[in-house]
Amino acid sequence: MAQEKSRLPHKKAVVASSLAIILEWYDFSIFGFYAVVLSRLFFPFTDETTALLSTFMVFALSFLFRPLGSIVISSLGDRFGRKNAFIVTVILMTFPTVLIGLLPTYEAIGVAATVLLVLLRILQALSVGGERSATLSLLAELAPPHLRGLYGSMSLFSTTAGILLASFVCGLVSSMLTPEELAEWGWRVPFLLGAVSGVAAYFLRRVVKESGMFLELKKTGGISKSPLVESVKEHWKPVLTILAATIMFSVGFYLIFVYVITFATKYGGMTLSQILAINTANLAICTVLVPFSGYFSDRIGRKPAMIAGCAGELVAGLLLFKVFAGDDLNLKIAVQLFGGLMNVLFAGAFAAYMVESFPTRVRMSGISMGNVIGFSVFGGSAPLVASYLISRTGDVTSPGIYMAAGCAVSLIALLTVKETYKNRLE
């Protein structure tokens, strides 16, 4: 009981870090929601399908640079502290977001606009690459042992809330403007608001205190000199398991809540403002339930929740695009929500499982090597792969088969893991 009371003051740090994450992921997510608009403004030299593929290629390319940011920032966090890593990421995110909002289009400066867009998106990726491992490590290290799932899930809650905020702002702007106004200047508004969110996130992060576990490790001289090498060399099994499990989580999320925006407008007969409104509502429901998912895994264990979520997501993948290509609006809402809920059920437990799989001295680096790389490769490429599959096969339901296959790989990996929710963090 005394231990639990001693942890209570850390709730302020949890709230501050969570709010900062929300603002940072708002900045990062705008690009995906405005992919249709950006494709016309920065890739007009190709046909519509190729322009859209090019935009999603930029989306995917930025994710491929996330591991670089993750490797650098995670190593920084394991050697010099979680708080220092937080400060670096927010600065790296704010400036490129605002600059995208100020960027001239292809019509104004030609191919230079396209190149600059790619470079700024890469800078965003470097920032967000180190975000997840730093957040998970700090929150879990602050948590009472019996609430590690709840605390760890706040990282996902904040990430999803940031994406939700971006969806809401983009949807609001789209609904208030004509398509011509949106293409002329309206698309810039959400990016420029990144200046406000960036400043707020910076000051929030300054009040976050360093992890007690890290400080104790530093005091006893237990800091790893090469955490990345050590995490791969001595903890390769959890790294590979987390990498495999991340396939389902990342592909599912980005197809359900990001690519579906483009799919619904191109193949489902929906307007951008209409699908953004539905997407925002379903994402809001899922976001609210994330902490409950983490707490649920504190009661029953990580493995049952992860397996159930993964199996449900497989079913959702087989249904999602077939339904969205049809005309039943209520069914579209229900299937998207079901897929989102399965993702949440999995993710609330997965956050804590990752933290419990590594010791403090290499925790950020271990999570980075498994989850961040997996998310970058499979999550970032998911919209591009989905667009390519439809273009190549002519079958609008083909992305669902890809999503289901990814879930199957993750499910096989999860069936082999050991339960960790009673493990003591070291």
Protein backbone atom coordinates (compact mmCIF):
# COMPACT_ATOMS: atom_id res chain seq x y z
CA MET A 1 0.00 0.00 0.00
CA ALA A 2 2.87 2.32 0.84
CA GLN A 3 4.37 1.64 -2.55
CA GLU A 4 1.10 2.50 -4.29
CA LYS A 5 0.83 5.81 -2.38
CA SER A 6 4.38 6.70 -3.37
CA ARG A 7 3.41 6.31 -6.99
CA LEU A 8 0.39 8.58 -6.90
CA PRO A 9 2.29 11.86 -7.50
CA HIS A 10 3.45 10.45 -10.83
CA LYS A 11 -0.08 10.83 -12.16
CA LYS A 12 0.85 14.42 -13.01
CA ALA A 13 3.71 13.16 -15.13
CA VAL A 14 1.37 10.68 -16.83
CA VAL A 15 -1.12 13.42 -17.69
CA ALA A 16 1.57 15.82 -18.91
CA SER A 17 3.33 13.24 -21.08
CA SER A 18 0.01 11.96 -22.47
CA LEU A 19 -1.13 15.44 -23.52
CA ALA A 20 2.22 16.06 -25.20
CA ILE A 21 1.92 12.80 -27.16
CA ILE A 22 -1.57 13.75 -28.31
CA LEU A 23 -0.28 17.01 -29.76
CA GLU A 24 2.71 15.38 -31.42
CA TRP A 25 0.66 12.66 -33.12
CA TYR A 26 -1.83 15.28 -34.27
CA ASP A 27 1.03 16.86 -36.21
CA PHE A 28 2.15 13.57 -37.71
CA SER A 29 -1.28 12.29 -38.76
CA ILE A 30 -2.61 15.18 -40.83
CA PHE A 31 -0.74 14.00 -43.93
CA GLY A 32 -2.62 10.69 -44.13
CA PHE A 33 -6.07 12.27 -43.83
CA TYR A 34 -5.37 14.78 -46.59
CA ALA A 35 -3.66 12.31 -48.94
CA VAL A 36 -6.29 12.79 -51.66
CA VAL A 37 -5.87 16.58 -51.58
CA LEU A 38 -2.07 16.52 -51.36
CA SER A 39 -1.78 14.10 -54.29
CA ARG A 40 -3.37 16.67 -56.61
CA LEU A 41 -1.25 19.56 -55.31
CA PHE A 42 2.18 17.94 -55.20
CA PHE A 43 1.94 15.17 -57.84
CA PRO A 44 -0.20 16.70 -60.62
CA PHE A 45 2.26 15.61 -63.32
CA THR A 46 0.81 12.07 -63.32
CA ASP A 47 -2.60 10.51 -63.68
CA GLU A 48 -4.89 10.41 -60.63
CA THR A 49 -4.10 6.82 -59.62
CA THR A 50 -0.34 7.29 -59.90
CA ALA A 51 -0.54 10.59 -58.01
CA LEU A 52 -2.33 8.87 -55.16
CA LEU A 53 0.17 6.02 -55.17
CA SER A 54 2.97 8.59 -55.09
CA THR A 55 1.44 10.32 -52.09
CA PHE A 56 1.13 7.04 -50.20
CA MET A 57 4.70 6.26 -51.23
CA VAL A 58 5.76 9.43 -49.40
CA PHE A 59 3.62 8.27 -46.48
CA ALA A 60 5.41 4.90 -46.52
CA LEU A 61 8.85 6.45 -47.08
CA SER A 62 8.48 8.56 -43.96
CA PHE A 63 7.82 5.40 -41.97
CA LEU A 64 10.96 3.79 -43.31
CA PHE A 65 12.94 6.63 -41.71
CA ARG A 66 11.25 6.08 -38.35
CA PRO A 67 13.68 3.30 -37.38
CA LEU A 68 16.61 5.72 -37.79
CA GLY A 69 14.97 8.21 -35.45
CA SER A 70 14.00 5.38 -33.15
CA ILE A 71 17.54 3.97 -32.99
CA VAL A 72 19.09 7.35 -32.20
CA ILE A 73 16.46 8.54 -29.73
CA SER A 74 16.06 5.17 -28.00
CA SER A 75 19.80 4.93 -27.49
CA LEU A 76 19.71 8.46 -26.10
CA GLY A 77 16.86 7.52 -23.77
CA ASP A 78 18.56 4.37 -22.47
CA ARG A 79 21.83 6.21 -21.87
CA PHE A 80 20.76 9.71 -20.79
CA GLY A 81 17.15 9.41 -19.69
CA ARG A 82 13.57 9.24 -20.96
CA LYS A 83 12.90 12.97 -20.44
CA ASN A 84 15.75 14.07 -22.72
CA ALA A 85 14.37 11.84 -25.45
CA PHE A 86 10.95 13.50 -25.03
CA ILE A 87 12.36 16.99 -25.55
CA VAL A 88 14.20 16.00 -28.73
CA THR A 89 11.14 14.42 -30.35
CA VAL A 90 8.81 17.37 -29.89
CA ILE A 91 11.28 19.81 -31.44
CA LEU A 92 11.87 17.49 -34.41
CA MET A 93 8.13 17.24 -35.03
CA THR A 94 6.97 20.84 -34.73
CA PHE A 95 9.16 22.60 -37.28
CA PRO A 96 8.54 20.35 -40.31
CA THR A 97 4.79 20.26 -39.63
CA VAL A 98 4.53 24.04 -39.76
CA LEU A 99 6.78 24.21 -42.82
CA ILE A 100 4.53 21.77 -44.72
CA GLY A 101 1.67 24.20 -44.03
CA LEU A 102 3.75 27.00 -45.60
CA LEU A 103 5.07 24.94 -48.52
CA PRO A 104 4.41 26.20 -52.08
CA THR A 105 2.68 23.64 -54.28
CA TYR A 106 3.89 22.08 -57.53
CA GLU A 107 2.05 24.75 -59.51
CA ALA A 108 4.19 27.45 -57.85
CA ILE A 109 7.71 25.97 -57.79
CA GLY A 110 7.48 22.73 -59.74
CA VAL A 111 9.18 19.50 -58.65
CA ALA A 112 10.98 21.35 -55.84
CA ALA A 113 7.67 21.35 -53.96
CA THR A 114 7.47 17.57 -54.21
CA VAL A 115 11.06 17.13 -53.01
CA LEU A 116 10.58 19.50 -50.07
CA LEU A 117 7.39 17.70 -49.05
CA VAL A 118 9.29 14.41 -48.95
CA LEU A 119 12.15 15.89 -46.90
CA LEU A 120 9.83 17.49 -44.34
CA ARG A 121 7.86 14.29 -43.98
CA ILE A 122 11.13 12.43 -43.29
CA LEU A 123 11.97 14.90 -40.49
CA GLN A 124 8.57 14.20 -38.93
CA ALA A 125 9.33 10.49 -39.11
CA LEU A 126 12.63 10.88 -37.29
CA SER A 127 10.75 12.46 -34.40
CA VAL A 128 7.91 10.01 -34.08
CA GLY A 129 10.30 7.07 -34.45
CA GLY A 130 11.60 7.48 -30.91
CA GLU A 131 8.29 8.48 -29.39
CA ARG A 132 6.68 5.14 -28.67
CA SER A 133 9.57 3.44 -26.91
CA ALA A 134 10.25 6.49 -24.74
CA THR A 135 6.61 6.86 -23.74
CA LEU A 136 6.03 3.20 -22.99
CA SER A 137 9.21 2.93 -20.96
CA LEU A 138 8.51 5.99 -18.85
CA LEU A 139 4.85 5.27 -18.14
CA ALA A 140 5.41 1.60 -17.29
CA GLU A 141 8.35 2.43 -15.05
CA LEU A 142 6.17 4.90 -13.16
CA ALA A 143 3.29 2.45 -12.78
CA PRO A 144 2.32 0.37 -9.74
CA PRO A 145 2.95 -3.31 -10.71
CA HIS A 146 -0.75 -4.19 -10.70
CA LEU A 147 -1.62 -1.28 -13.01
CA ARG A 148 1.17 -1.59 -15.58
CA GLY A 149 -1.28 -2.41 -18.37
CA LEU A 150 -3.39 0.66 -17.57
CA TYR A 151 -0.41 3.00 -17.43
CA GLY A 152 1.19 1.50 -20.51
CA SER A 153 -2.05 1.81 -22.46
CA MET A 154 -1.98 5.58 -21.93
CA SER A 155 0.72 5.72 -24.57
CA LEU A 156 -1.63 4.16 -27.13
CA PHE A 157 -4.54 6.23 -25.81
CA SER A 158 -2.55 9.41 -26.39
CA THR A 159 -1.34 8.32 -29.81
CA THR A 160 -4.86 7.43 -30.91
CA ALA A 161 -6.24 10.63 -29.40
CA GLY A 162 -3.72 12.62 -31.43
CA ILE A 163 -4.79 10.83 -34.61
CA LEU A 164 -8.41 11.42 -33.60
CA LEU A 165 -7.73 15.12 -33.11
CA ALA A 166 -6.19 15.28 -36.57
CA SER A 167 -9.19 13.47 -38.05
CA PHE A 168 -11.56 15.88 -36.30
CA VAL A 169 -9.70 19.02 -37.40
CA CYS A 170 -9.31 17.80 -41.00
CA GLY A 171 -12.97 16.79 -41.10
CA LEU A 172 -14.08 20.13 -39.66
CA VAL A 173 -12.04 22.13 -42.13
CA SER A 174 -13.28 19.96 -45.03
CA SER A 175 -16.92 20.41 -44.02
CA MET A 176 -16.62 24.20 -43.72
CA LEU A 177 -14.99 24.77 -47.11
CA THR A 178 -15.80 24.01 -50.71
CA PRO A 179 -13.49 21.52 -52.50
CA GLU A 180 -11.94 24.47 -54.35
CA GLU A 181 -11.24 26.40 -51.13
CA LEU A 182 -9.83 23.30 -49.49
CA ALA A 183 -7.42 22.73 -52.39
CA GLU A 184 -6.47 26.42 -52.62
CA TRP A 185 -5.66 27.16 -48.97
CA GLY A 186 -7.79 25.18 -46.51
CA TRP A 187 -5.50 22.14 -46.38
CA ARG A 188 -2.81 24.34 -44.83
CA VAL A 189 -4.82 25.18 -41.70
CA PRO A 190 -4.35 21.87 -39.80
CA PHE A 191 -0.60 21.92 -40.51
CA LEU A 192 -0.19 25.53 -39.35
CA LEU A 193 -2.03 24.72 -36.13
CA GLY A 194 0.95 22.47 -35.48
CA ALA A 195 2.81 25.56 -34.26
CA VAL A 196 0.39 25.88 -31.36
CA SER A 197 0.42 22.16 -30.56
CA GLY A 198 4.21 22.02 -30.76
CA VAL A 199 4.78 24.85 -28.29
CA ALA A 200 2.23 23.35 -25.89
CA ALA A 201 3.82 19.89 -26.14
CA TYR A 202 7.29 21.32 -25.47
CA PHE A 203 6.27 23.00 -22.22
CA LEU A 204 4.29 19.95 -21.10
CA ARG A 205 7.35 17.77 -21.55
CA ARG A 206 9.54 20.08 -19.53
CA VAL A 207 7.47 19.31 -16.40
CA VAL A 208 7.75 15.54 -16.78
CA LYS A 209 10.08 13.99 -14.18
CA GLU A 210 12.63 11.35 -15.01
CA SER A 211 11.85 7.67 -14.42
CA GLY A 212 12.88 6.51 -10.94
CA MET A 213 13.99 3.14 -12.34
CA PHE A 214 16.33 4.86 -14.79
CA LEU A 215 17.75 7.13 -12.09
CA GLU A 216 18.39 4.12 -9.85
CA LEU A 217 20.09 2.30 -12.72
CA LYS A 218 22.26 5.35 -13.36
CA LYS A 219 23.12 5.64 -9.68
CA THR A 220 24.32 2.03 -9.50
CA GLY A 221 26.31 2.29 -12.74
CA GLY A 222 24.10 -0.12 -14.65
CA ILE A 223 23.63 1.99 -17.79
CA SER A 224 24.34 0.03 -20.96
CA LYS A 225 27.12 1.43 -23.14
CA SER A 226 25.53 -0.02 -26.28
CA PRO A 227 21.82 -0.66 -25.58
CA LEU A 228 20.89 -1.33 -29.19
CA VAL A 229 23.51 -4.03 -29.67
CA GLU A 230 22.74 -5.53 -26.28
CA SER A 231 18.99 -5.64 -26.94
CA VAL A 232 19.43 -7.55 -30.19
CA LYS A 233 22.25 -9.81 -29.01
CA GLU A 234 20.84 -10.83 -25.62
CA HIS A 235 17.09 -10.34 -26.10
CA TRP A 236 16.55 -11.33 -29.72
CA LYS A 237 13.60 -13.62 -29.02
CA PRO A 238 11.26 -10.91 -27.64
CA VAL A 239 12.49 -8.53 -30.35
CA LEU A 240 11.41 -10.98 -33.09
CA THR A 241 8.12 -11.83 -31.35
CA ILE A 242 7.22 -8.17 -30.98
CA LEU A 243 8.17 -7.53 -34.61
CA ALA A 244 5.83 -10.30 -35.78
CA ALA A 245 2.97 -9.23 -33.50
CA THR A 246 3.31 -5.63 -34.69
CA ILE A 247 2.28 -6.65 -38.21
CA MET A 248 -1.35 -7.14 -37.17
CA PHE A 249 -1.46 -4.01 -35.04
CA SER A 250 0.09 -1.66 -37.59
CA VAL A 251 -1.45 -2.97 -40.81
CA GLY A 252 -4.87 -3.22 -39.18
CA PHE A 253 -4.82 0.27 -37.73
CA TYR A 254 -3.62 2.06 -40.85
CA LEU A 255 -6.03 0.26 -43.15
CA ILE A 256 -9.02 0.67 -40.81
CA PHE A 257 -8.55 4.30 -39.84
CA VAL A 258 -6.26 5.93 -42.44
CA TYR A 259 -6.46 4.19 -45.84
CA VAL A 260 -10.22 3.69 -45.49
CA ILE A 261 -10.60 7.47 -45.93
CA THR A 262 -9.20 7.25 -49.45
CA PHE A 263 -10.92 3.93 -50.20
CA ALA A 264 -14.36 5.20 -49.19
CA THR A 265 -14.11 8.31 -51.39
CA LYS A 266 -12.66 6.45 -54.39
CA TYR A 267 -14.62 3.17 -54.33
CA GLY A 268 -17.37 3.54 -51.72
CA GLY A 269 -19.29 6.51 -53.08
CA MET A 270 -18.71 8.64 -49.96
CA THR A 271 -17.63 12.29 -49.68
CA LEU A 272 -14.44 13.20 -47.81
CA SER A 273 -16.33 15.07 -45.09
CA GLN A 274 -18.76 12.14 -44.67
CA ILE A 275 -16.13 9.44 -44.18
CA LEU A 276 -14.03 11.72 -41.96
CA ALA A 277 -17.06 12.25 -39.71
CA ILE A 278 -17.65 8.48 -39.41
CA ASN A 279 -13.95 7.82 -38.97
CA THR A 280 -13.71 10.41 -36.22
CA ALA A 281 -16.71 9.00 -34.34
CA ASN A 282 -15.46 5.39 -34.46
CA LEU A 283 -11.92 6.42 -33.59
CA ALA A 284 -13.27 8.41 -30.63
CA ILE A 285 -15.06 5.33 -29.27
CA CYS A 286 -11.94 3.21 -29.65
CA THR A 287 -9.75 5.86 -28.05
CA VAL A 288 -11.94 6.09 -24.95
CA LEU A 289 -11.78 2.30 -24.52
CA VAL A 290 -7.98 1.98 -24.76
CA PRO A 291 -7.31 2.47 -21.00
CA PHE A 292 -10.01 -0.11 -20.21
CA SER A 293 -8.22 -2.54 -22.50
CA GLY A 294 -4.96 -2.02 -20.64
CA TYR A 295 -6.68 -2.44 -17.28
CA PHE A 296 -8.45 -5.57 -18.57
CA SER A 297 -5.05 -7.12 -19.35
CA ASP A 298 -3.96 -6.33 -15.77
CA ARG A 299 -6.76 -8.61 -14.61
CA ILE A 300 -6.66 -11.54 -17.07
CA GLY A 301 -3.14 -11.34 -18.49
CA ARG A 302 -1.56 -10.05 -21.70
CA LYS A 303 -1.65 -13.23 -23.81
CA PRO A 304 -5.44 -13.92 -23.83
CA ALA A 305 -6.24 -10.31 -24.73
CA MET A 306 -3.65 -10.18 -27.52
CA ILE A 307 -4.78 -13.47 -29.06
CA ALA A 308 -8.48 -12.53 -28.94
CA GLY A 309 -7.82 -9.14 -30.50
CA CYS A 310 -5.66 -10.61 -33.24
CA ALA A 311 -8.23 -13.29 -34.16
CA GLY A 312 -11.01 -10.70 -34.28
CA GLU A 313 -8.92 -8.40 -36.46
CA LEU A 314 -8.42 -11.23 -38.95
CA VAL A 315 -12.19 -11.50 -39.35
CA ALA A 316 -12.49 -7.71 -39.67
CA GLY A 317 -9.93 -7.72 -42.48
CA LEU A 318 -11.98 -10.16 -44.54
CA LEU A 319 -15.09 -7.98 -44.14
CA LEU A 320 -13.88 -4.37 -44.17
CA PHE A 321 -13.27 -3.58 -47.83
CA LYS A 322 -16.07 -5.74 -49.15
CA VAL A 323 -18.48 -3.80 -46.95
CA PHE A 324 -17.01 -0.38 -47.75
CA ALA A 325 -17.30 -1.08 -51.48
CA GLY A 326 -21.05 -1.54 -50.96
CA ASP A 327 -23.90 0.83 -50.17
CA ASP A 328 -24.95 -0.08 -46.62
CA LEU A 329 -23.82 2.88 -44.49
CA ASN A 330 -24.75 1.32 -41.15
CA LEU A 331 -22.81 -1.83 -41.97
CA LYS A 332 -19.78 0.27 -42.90
CA ILE A 333 -19.89 2.00 -39.53
CA ALA A 334 -20.32 -1.30 -37.66
CA VAL A 335 -17.48 -3.16 -39.42
CA GLN A 336 -15.02 -0.31 -39.03
CA LEU A 337 -15.90 -0.05 -35.33
CA PHE A 338 -15.51 -3.81 -34.86
CA GLY A 339 -12.07 -3.77 -36.46
CA GLY A 340 -11.06 -0.81 -34.33
CA LEU A 341 -12.23 -2.49 -31.12
CA MET A 342 -10.24 -5.63 -31.91
CA ASN A 343 -7.18 -3.46 -32.48
CA VAL A 344 -7.76 -1.78 -29.12
CA LEU A 345 -8.23 -5.10 -27.29
CA PHE A 346 -4.88 -6.26 -28.64
CA ALA A 347 -2.98 -3.02 -28.19
CA GLY A 348 -3.86 -2.36 -24.55
CA ALA A 349 -2.21 -5.63 -23.58
CA PHE A 350 0.59 -5.40 -26.15
CA ALA A 351 1.92 -2.13 -24.73
CA ALA A 352 2.54 -3.69 -21.33
CA TYR A 353 3.81 -6.94 -22.84
CA MET A 354 6.57 -5.09 -24.69
CA VAL A 355 7.72 -3.26 -21.55
CA GLU A 356 7.73 -6.48 -19.53
CA SER A 357 9.89 -8.23 -22.12
CA PHE A 358 13.05 -6.16 -21.52
CA PRO A 359 15.16 -4.95 -18.56
CA THR A 360 15.40 -1.21 -17.82
CA ARG A 361 18.92 -0.86 -19.25
CA VAL A 362 17.77 -1.76 -22.80
CA ARG A 363 14.00 -1.29 -22.59
CA MET A 364 13.69 1.61 -25.02
CA SER A 365 16.08 0.01 -27.49
CA GLY A 366 14.40 -3.40 -27.33
CA ILE A 367 10.95 -1.93 -27.97
CA SER A 368 12.41 0.19 -30.73
CA MET A 369 14.03 -2.73 -32.55
CA GLY A 370 10.83 -4.80 -32.49
CA ASN A 371 7.81 -2.52 -32.46
CA VAL A 372 9.03 0.65 -34.14
CA ILE A 373 10.75 -1.15 -37.01
CA GLY A 374 7.71 -3.40 -37.47
CA PHE A 375 5.35 -0.45 -37.39
CA SER A 376 7.51 1.46 -39.85
CA VAL A 377 7.84 -1.33 -42.39
CA PHE A 378 4.33 -2.79 -42.25
CA GLY A 379 2.18 0.08 -40.96
CA GLY A 380 3.72 2.80 -43.07
CA SER A 381 3.51 0.73 -46.25
CA ALA A 382 -0.06 -0.52 -45.66
CA PRO A 383 -1.88 2.24 -47.63
CA LEU A 384 0.65 1.93 -50.46
CA VAL A 385 0.32 -1.87 -50.58
CA ALA A 386 -3.48 -1.58 -50.50
CA SER A 387 -3.53 0.90 -53.38
CA TYR A 388 -1.07 -1.22 -55.36
CA LEU A 389 -3.04 -4.44 -54.84
CA ILE A 390 -6.23 -2.85 -56.14
CA SER A 391 -4.41 -1.29 -59.10
CA ARG A 392 -2.68 -4.57 -59.92
CA THR A 393 -5.53 -7.03 -59.40
CA GLY A 394 -8.58 -4.88 -60.06
CA ASP A 395 -10.12 -6.40 -56.93
CA VAL A 396 -11.15 -3.73 -54.41
CA THR A 397 -11.35 -6.35 -51.62
CA SER A 398 -7.70 -7.42 -52.00
CA PRO A 399 -6.42 -5.14 -49.17
CA GLY A 400 -8.61 -7.12 -46.78
CA ILE A 401 -6.86 -10.36 -47.73
CA TYR A 402 -3.51 -8.68 -47.08
CA MET A 403 -4.75 -7.48 -43.68
CA ALA A 404 -6.02 -10.96 -42.76
CA ALA A 405 -2.72 -12.56 -43.80
CA GLY A 406 -0.81 -10.14 -41.56
CA CYS A 407 -3.10 -11.02 -38.65
CA ALA A 408 -2.44 -14.72 -39.24
CA VAL A 409 1.35 -14.20 -38.99
CA SER A 410 0.95 -12.25 -35.75
CA LEU A 411 -1.42 -14.83 -34.30
CA ILE A 412 1.07 -17.64 -34.88
CA ALA A 413 3.79 -15.64 -33.10
CA LEU A 414 1.53 -14.81 -30.14
CA LEU A 415 0.58 -18.46 -29.57
CA THR A 416 4.23 -19.13 -28.65
CA VAL A 417 4.74 -16.36 -26.06
CA LYS A 418 4.80 -16.74 -22.28
CA GLU A 419 2.56 -14.72 -19.98
CA THR A 420 4.31 -11.63 -18.55
CA TYR A 421 1.74 -9.66 -16.55
CA LYS A 422 3.08 -10.89 -13.20
CA ASN A 423 6.70 -10.27 -14.14
CA ARG A 424 8.70 -7.87 -11.98
CA LEU A 425 10.41 -5.04 -13.91
CA GLU A 426 14.18 -5.09 -13.46
